[in-house]
Amino acid sequence: MKFFAVTTTSVYSVTDERDDQGYPIVQKIAIKKGKNSKIPIGGRLKNGRLVGIQADGIVLYDEDHPRSGRLQKPKEVNTAFWGGGTSAIIALFLKEDKARVCLDSKNLKRCDPRWKVQTKEVLSLIKDDHPVFVFSHFDPITLETS
């Protein structure tokens, strides 16, 4: 599965495919005009075998105490097991062109309600048993956990 995450500064291509080291591929493909970012275009998040998706951003991480039956969510794991991460999520998209339009929009907000439908569409495709993507169940508008 592949989707695109718009953060406060950038667009990332996020896929459950893995590189030669076994890390999922989360790569920056665009930076908002006039913004600075620690990760350059083409740069990738590193050091983690799971992709945590939460309102605060996307993070690569490993479980600190694996349990059978379910994967630990990022917030349940000691941050010492976190790898690279992004800034807060504005919205999630299935299509790159829609993500780029979002990034170029004005007055972006964390979990921006203008892209609620698109974000929910992506989240609905990520089931609780996905082997790579783990998300904290949150309403992309109110940020209330469920």
C-alpha atoms as a PDB file:
ATOM      1  CA  MET A   1       0.000   0.000   0.000  1.00  0.00           C
ATOM      2  CA  LYS A   2       1.120   3.543  -0.709  1.00  0.00           C
ATOM      3  CA  PHE A   3      -0.201   6.911   0.400  1.00  0.00           C
ATOM      4  CA  PHE A   4       0.996  10.494   0.696  1.00  0.00           C
ATOM      5  CA  ALA A   5       1.266  12.423   3.950  1.00  0.00           C
ATOM      6  CA  VAL A   6       1.203  16.210   4.009  1.00  0.00           C
ATOM      7  CA  THR A   7       2.947  17.627   7.057  1.00  0.00           C
ATOM      8  CA  THR A   8       3.427  21.213   8.189  1.00  0.00           C
ATOM      9  CA  THR A   9       6.468  21.534   5.902  1.00  0.00           C
ATOM     10  CA  SER A  10       6.434  18.716   3.365  1.00  0.00           C
ATOM     11  CA  VAL A  11       4.884  15.860   1.412  1.00  0.00           C
ATOM     12  CA  TYR A  12       6.061  12.294   2.070  1.00  0.00           C
ATOM     13  CA  SER A  13       5.510   9.194  -0.008  1.00  0.00           C
ATOM     14  CA  VAL A  14       4.731   6.414   2.476  1.00  0.00           C
ATOM     15  CA  THR A  15       4.785   2.768   1.435  1.00  0.00           C
ATOM     16  CA  ASP A  16       4.829  -0.570   3.176  1.00  0.00           C
ATOM     17  CA  GLU A  17       7.529  -1.801   0.792  1.00  0.00           C
ATOM     18  CA  ARG A  18      10.868  -2.297   2.510  1.00  0.00           C
ATOM     19  CA  ASP A  19      14.414  -1.405   1.509  1.00  0.00           C
ATOM     20  CA  ASP A  20      17.450  -3.723   1.687  1.00  0.00           C
ATOM     21  CA  GLN A  21      17.785  -3.101   5.441  1.00  0.00           C
ATOM     22  CA  GLY A  22      14.151  -3.990   6.106  1.00  0.00           C
ATOM     23  CA  TYR A  23      12.976  -0.410   6.726  1.00  0.00           C
ATOM     24  CA  PRO A  24       9.666   0.769   5.236  1.00  0.00           C
ATOM     25  CA  ILE A  25      10.156   3.468   2.616  1.00  0.00           C
ATOM     26  CA  VAL A  26       9.019   6.888   3.841  1.00  0.00           C
ATOM     27  CA  GLN A  27      10.530   9.492   1.517  1.00  0.00           C
ATOM     28  CA  LYS A  28      10.182  13.271   1.298  1.00  0.00           C
ATOM     29  CA  ILE A  29       9.039  14.305  -2.163  1.00  0.00           C
ATOM     30  CA  ALA A  30       8.265  18.018  -1.701  1.00  0.00           C
ATOM     31  CA  ILE A  31       8.920  20.948   0.654  1.00  0.00           C
ATOM     32  CA  LYS A  32       6.531  23.889   1.059  1.00  0.00           C
ATOM     33  CA  LYS A  33       7.863  27.043  -0.580  1.00  0.00           C
ATOM     34  CA  GLY A  34       9.544  29.288   1.959  1.00  0.00           C
ATOM     35  CA  LYS A  35       9.881  26.538   4.593  1.00  0.00           C
ATOM     36  CA  ASN A  36      13.047  24.919   5.905  1.00  0.00           C
ATOM     37  CA  SER A  37      13.306  21.244   6.695  1.00  0.00           C
ATOM     38  CA  LYS A  38      15.959  19.018   8.260  1.00  0.00           C
ATOM     39  CA  ILE A  39      15.214  16.283   5.725  1.00  0.00           C
ATOM     40  CA  PRO A  40      15.940  17.218   2.086  1.00  0.00           C
ATOM     41  CA  ILE A  41      13.773  16.225  -0.880  1.00  0.00           C
ATOM     42  CA  GLY A  42      14.632  12.594  -1.600  1.00  0.00           C
ATOM     43  CA  GLY A  43      15.615  12.028   2.038  1.00  0.00           C
ATOM     44  CA  ARG A  44      14.093   9.125   3.928  1.00  0.00           C
ATOM     45  CA  LEU A  45      13.118   8.326   7.484  1.00  0.00           C
ATOM     46  CA  LYS A  46      15.344   5.623   8.952  1.00  0.00           C
ATOM     47  CA  ASN A  47      15.713   3.242  11.873  1.00  0.00           C
ATOM     48  CA  GLY A  48      12.445   1.456  12.409  1.00  0.00           C
ATOM     49  CA  ARG A  49      10.494  -1.488  11.017  1.00  0.00           C
ATOM     50  CA  LEU A  50       7.025  -0.050  11.667  1.00  0.00           C
ATOM     51  CA  VAL A  51       5.401   3.161  10.408  1.00  0.00           C
ATOM     52  CA  GLY A  52       3.500   4.926  13.175  1.00  0.00           C
ATOM     53  CA  ILE A  53       0.806   7.303  11.955  1.00  0.00           C
ATOM     54  CA  GLN A  54      -0.430   9.812  14.500  1.00  0.00           C
ATOM     55  CA  ALA A  55      -1.619  13.419  14.497  1.00  0.00           C
ATOM     56  CA  ASP A  56       1.818  14.542  15.730  1.00  0.00           C
ATOM     57  CA  GLY A  57       3.454  13.060  12.627  1.00  0.00           C
ATOM     58  CA  ILE A  58       4.748   9.881  11.083  1.00  0.00           C
ATOM     59  CA  VAL A  59       7.508   8.016  12.871  1.00  0.00           C
ATOM     60  CA  LEU A  60       9.516   4.888  12.133  1.00  0.00           C
ATOM     61  CA  TYR A  61       9.918   2.722  15.211  1.00  0.00           C
ATOM     62  CA  ASP A  62      10.452  -0.763  16.596  1.00  0.00           C
ATOM     63  CA  GLU A  63       8.464  -2.388  19.377  1.00  0.00           C
ATOM     64  CA  ASP A  64      10.219  -2.356  22.741  1.00  0.00           C
ATOM     65  CA  HIS A  65       8.195  -5.253  24.220  1.00  0.00           C
ATOM     66  CA  PRO A  66       6.529  -7.165  21.364  1.00  0.00           C
ATOM     67  CA  ARG A  67       3.273  -8.875  22.270  1.00  0.00           C
ATOM     68  CA  SER A  68       1.471 -11.558  20.341  1.00  0.00           C
ATOM     69  CA  GLY A  69      -1.847 -10.570  18.862  1.00  0.00           C
ATOM     70  CA  ARG A  70      -1.220  -6.874  18.148  1.00  0.00           C
ATOM     71  CA  LEU A  71       1.520  -4.395  17.360  1.00  0.00           C
ATOM     72  CA  GLN A  72       2.396  -1.704  19.863  1.00  0.00           C
ATOM     73  CA  LYS A  73       1.319   1.787  18.873  1.00  0.00           C
ATOM     74  CA  PRO A  74       4.067   4.430  18.752  1.00  0.00           C
ATOM     75  CA  LYS A  75       2.867   6.128  21.942  1.00  0.00           C
ATOM     76  CA  GLU A  76       3.127   2.791  23.795  1.00  0.00           C
ATOM     77  CA  VAL A  77       6.814   2.442  22.915  1.00  0.00           C
ATOM     78  CA  ASN A  78       9.739   4.091  24.685  1.00  0.00           C
ATOM     79  CA  THR A  79      10.991   6.865  22.391  1.00  0.00           C
ATOM     80  CA  ALA A  80      14.446   5.272  22.521  1.00  0.00           C
ATOM     81  CA  PHE A  81      12.973   2.812  19.983  1.00  0.00           C
ATOM     82  CA  TRP A  82      11.826   5.570  17.632  1.00  0.00           C
ATOM     83  CA  GLY A  83      13.761   6.314  14.456  1.00  0.00           C
ATOM     84  CA  GLY A  84      13.124   9.249  12.151  1.00  0.00           C
ATOM     85  CA  GLY A  85       9.936  11.275  12.266  1.00  0.00           C
ATOM     86  CA  THR A  86       8.031  14.063  10.541  1.00  0.00           C
ATOM     87  CA  SER A  87       6.275  17.186  11.718  1.00  0.00           C
ATOM     88  CA  ALA A  88       2.516  17.147  12.431  1.00  0.00           C
ATOM     89  CA  ILE A  89       0.120  15.723   9.833  1.00  0.00           C
ATOM     90  CA  ILE A  90      -2.105  18.095   7.881  1.00  0.00           C
ATOM     91  CA  ALA A  91      -3.797  15.378   5.783  1.00  0.00           C
ATOM     92  CA  LEU A  92      -3.330  11.975   4.123  1.00  0.00           C
ATOM     93  CA  PHE A  93      -4.006  11.254   0.442  1.00  0.00           C
ATOM     94  CA  LEU A  94      -4.033   8.318  -1.963  1.00  0.00           C
ATOM     95  CA  LYS A  95      -2.932  10.514  -4.872  1.00  0.00           C
ATOM     96  CA  GLU A  96       0.271  12.541  -5.029  1.00  0.00           C
ATOM     97  CA  ASP A  97      -1.224  15.415  -7.032  1.00  0.00           C
ATOM     98  CA  LYS A  98      -3.897  15.993  -4.365  1.00  0.00           C
ATOM     99  CA  ALA A  99      -1.209  16.013  -1.657  1.00  0.00           C
ATOM    100  CA  ARG A 100       0.792  18.637  -3.543  1.00  0.00           C
ATOM    101  CA  VAL A 101      -2.297  20.851  -3.930  1.00  0.00           C
ATOM    102  CA  CYS A 102      -2.855  20.582  -0.185  1.00  0.00           C
ATOM    103  CA  LEU A 103       0.767  21.524   0.583  1.00  0.00           C
ATOM    104  CA  ASP A 104       0.437  24.659  -1.583  1.00  0.00           C
ATOM    105  CA  SER A 105      -2.761  25.751   0.200  1.00  0.00           C
ATOM    106  CA  LYS A 106      -2.832  28.609   2.695  1.00  0.00           C
ATOM    107  CA  ASN A 107      -3.518  28.500   6.428  1.00  0.00           C
ATOM    108  CA  LEU A 108      -2.780  24.807   6.896  1.00  0.00           C
ATOM    109  CA  LYS A 109      -3.737  23.311  10.253  1.00  0.00           C
ATOM    110  CA  ARG A 110      -2.841  20.072  11.960  1.00  0.00           C
ATOM    111  CA  CYS A 111      -5.473  17.494  10.868  1.00  0.00           C
ATOM    112  CA  ASP A 112      -6.987  20.138   8.617  1.00  0.00           C
ATOM    113  CA  PRO A 113     -10.775  19.703   8.231  1.00  0.00           C
ATOM    114  CA  ARG A 114     -10.606  20.665   4.539  1.00  0.00           C
ATOM    115  CA  TRP A 115      -9.145  17.220   3.819  1.00  0.00           C
ATOM    116  CA  LYS A 116     -11.117  15.172   6.319  1.00  0.00           C
ATOM    117  CA  VAL A 117     -12.654  12.920   3.660  1.00  0.00           C
ATOM    118  CA  GLN A 118      -9.297  12.112   2.039  1.00  0.00           C
ATOM    119  CA  THR A 119      -7.620  11.463   5.384  1.00  0.00           C
ATOM    120  CA  LYS A 120     -10.402   9.148   6.524  1.00  0.00           C
ATOM    121  CA  GLU A 121     -10.219   7.315   3.191  1.00  0.00           C
ATOM    122  CA  VAL A 122      -6.535   6.505   3.767  1.00  0.00           C
ATOM    123  CA  LEU A 123      -7.068   5.561   7.419  1.00  0.00           C
ATOM    124  CA  SER A 124      -9.951   3.249   6.459  1.00  0.00           C
ATOM    125  CA  LEU A 125      -7.612   1.252   4.203  1.00  0.00           C
ATOM    126  CA  ILE A 126      -5.179   0.648   7.064  1.00  0.00           C
ATOM    127  CA  LYS A 127      -6.669  -2.160   9.066  1.00  0.00           C
ATOM    128  CA  ASP A 128      -5.757  -2.927  12.689  1.00  0.00           C
ATOM    129  CA  ASP A 129      -3.778  -5.942  11.536  1.00  0.00           C
ATOM    130  CA  HIS A 130      -1.622  -4.187   8.916  1.00  0.00           C
ATOM    131  CA  PRO A 131       1.914  -5.618   9.197  1.00  0.00           C
ATOM    132  CA  VAL A 132       3.715  -2.264   8.752  1.00  0.00           C
ATOM    133  CA  PHE A 133       1.338   0.683   9.294  1.00  0.00           C
ATOM    134  CA  VAL A 134       0.141   1.301  12.840  1.00  0.00           C
ATOM    135  CA  PHE A 135      -2.000   4.301  13.644  1.00  0.00           C
ATOM    136  CA  SER A 136      -3.282   5.734  16.830  1.00  0.00           C
ATOM    137  CA  HIS A 137      -7.033   5.765  16.367  1.00  0.00           C
ATOM    138  CA  PHE A 138      -7.879   9.436  16.178  1.00  0.00           C
ATOM    139  CA  ASP A 139     -10.562  11.476  14.533  1.00  0.00           C
ATOM    140  CA  PRO A 140      -8.625  13.552  11.994  1.00  0.00           C
ATOM    141  CA  ILE A 141     -10.703  16.592  12.888  1.00  0.00           C
ATOM    142  CA  THR A 142     -11.184  16.585  16.650  1.00  0.00           C
ATOM    143  CA  LEU A 143      -8.092  14.483  17.465  1.00  0.00           C
ATOM    144  CA  GLU A 144     -10.178  12.547  19.938  1.00  0.00           C
ATOM    145  CA  THR A 145      -8.953   9.030  20.474  1.00  0.00           C
ATOM    146  CA  SER A 146     -11.273   6.088  20.130  1.00  0.00           C
END
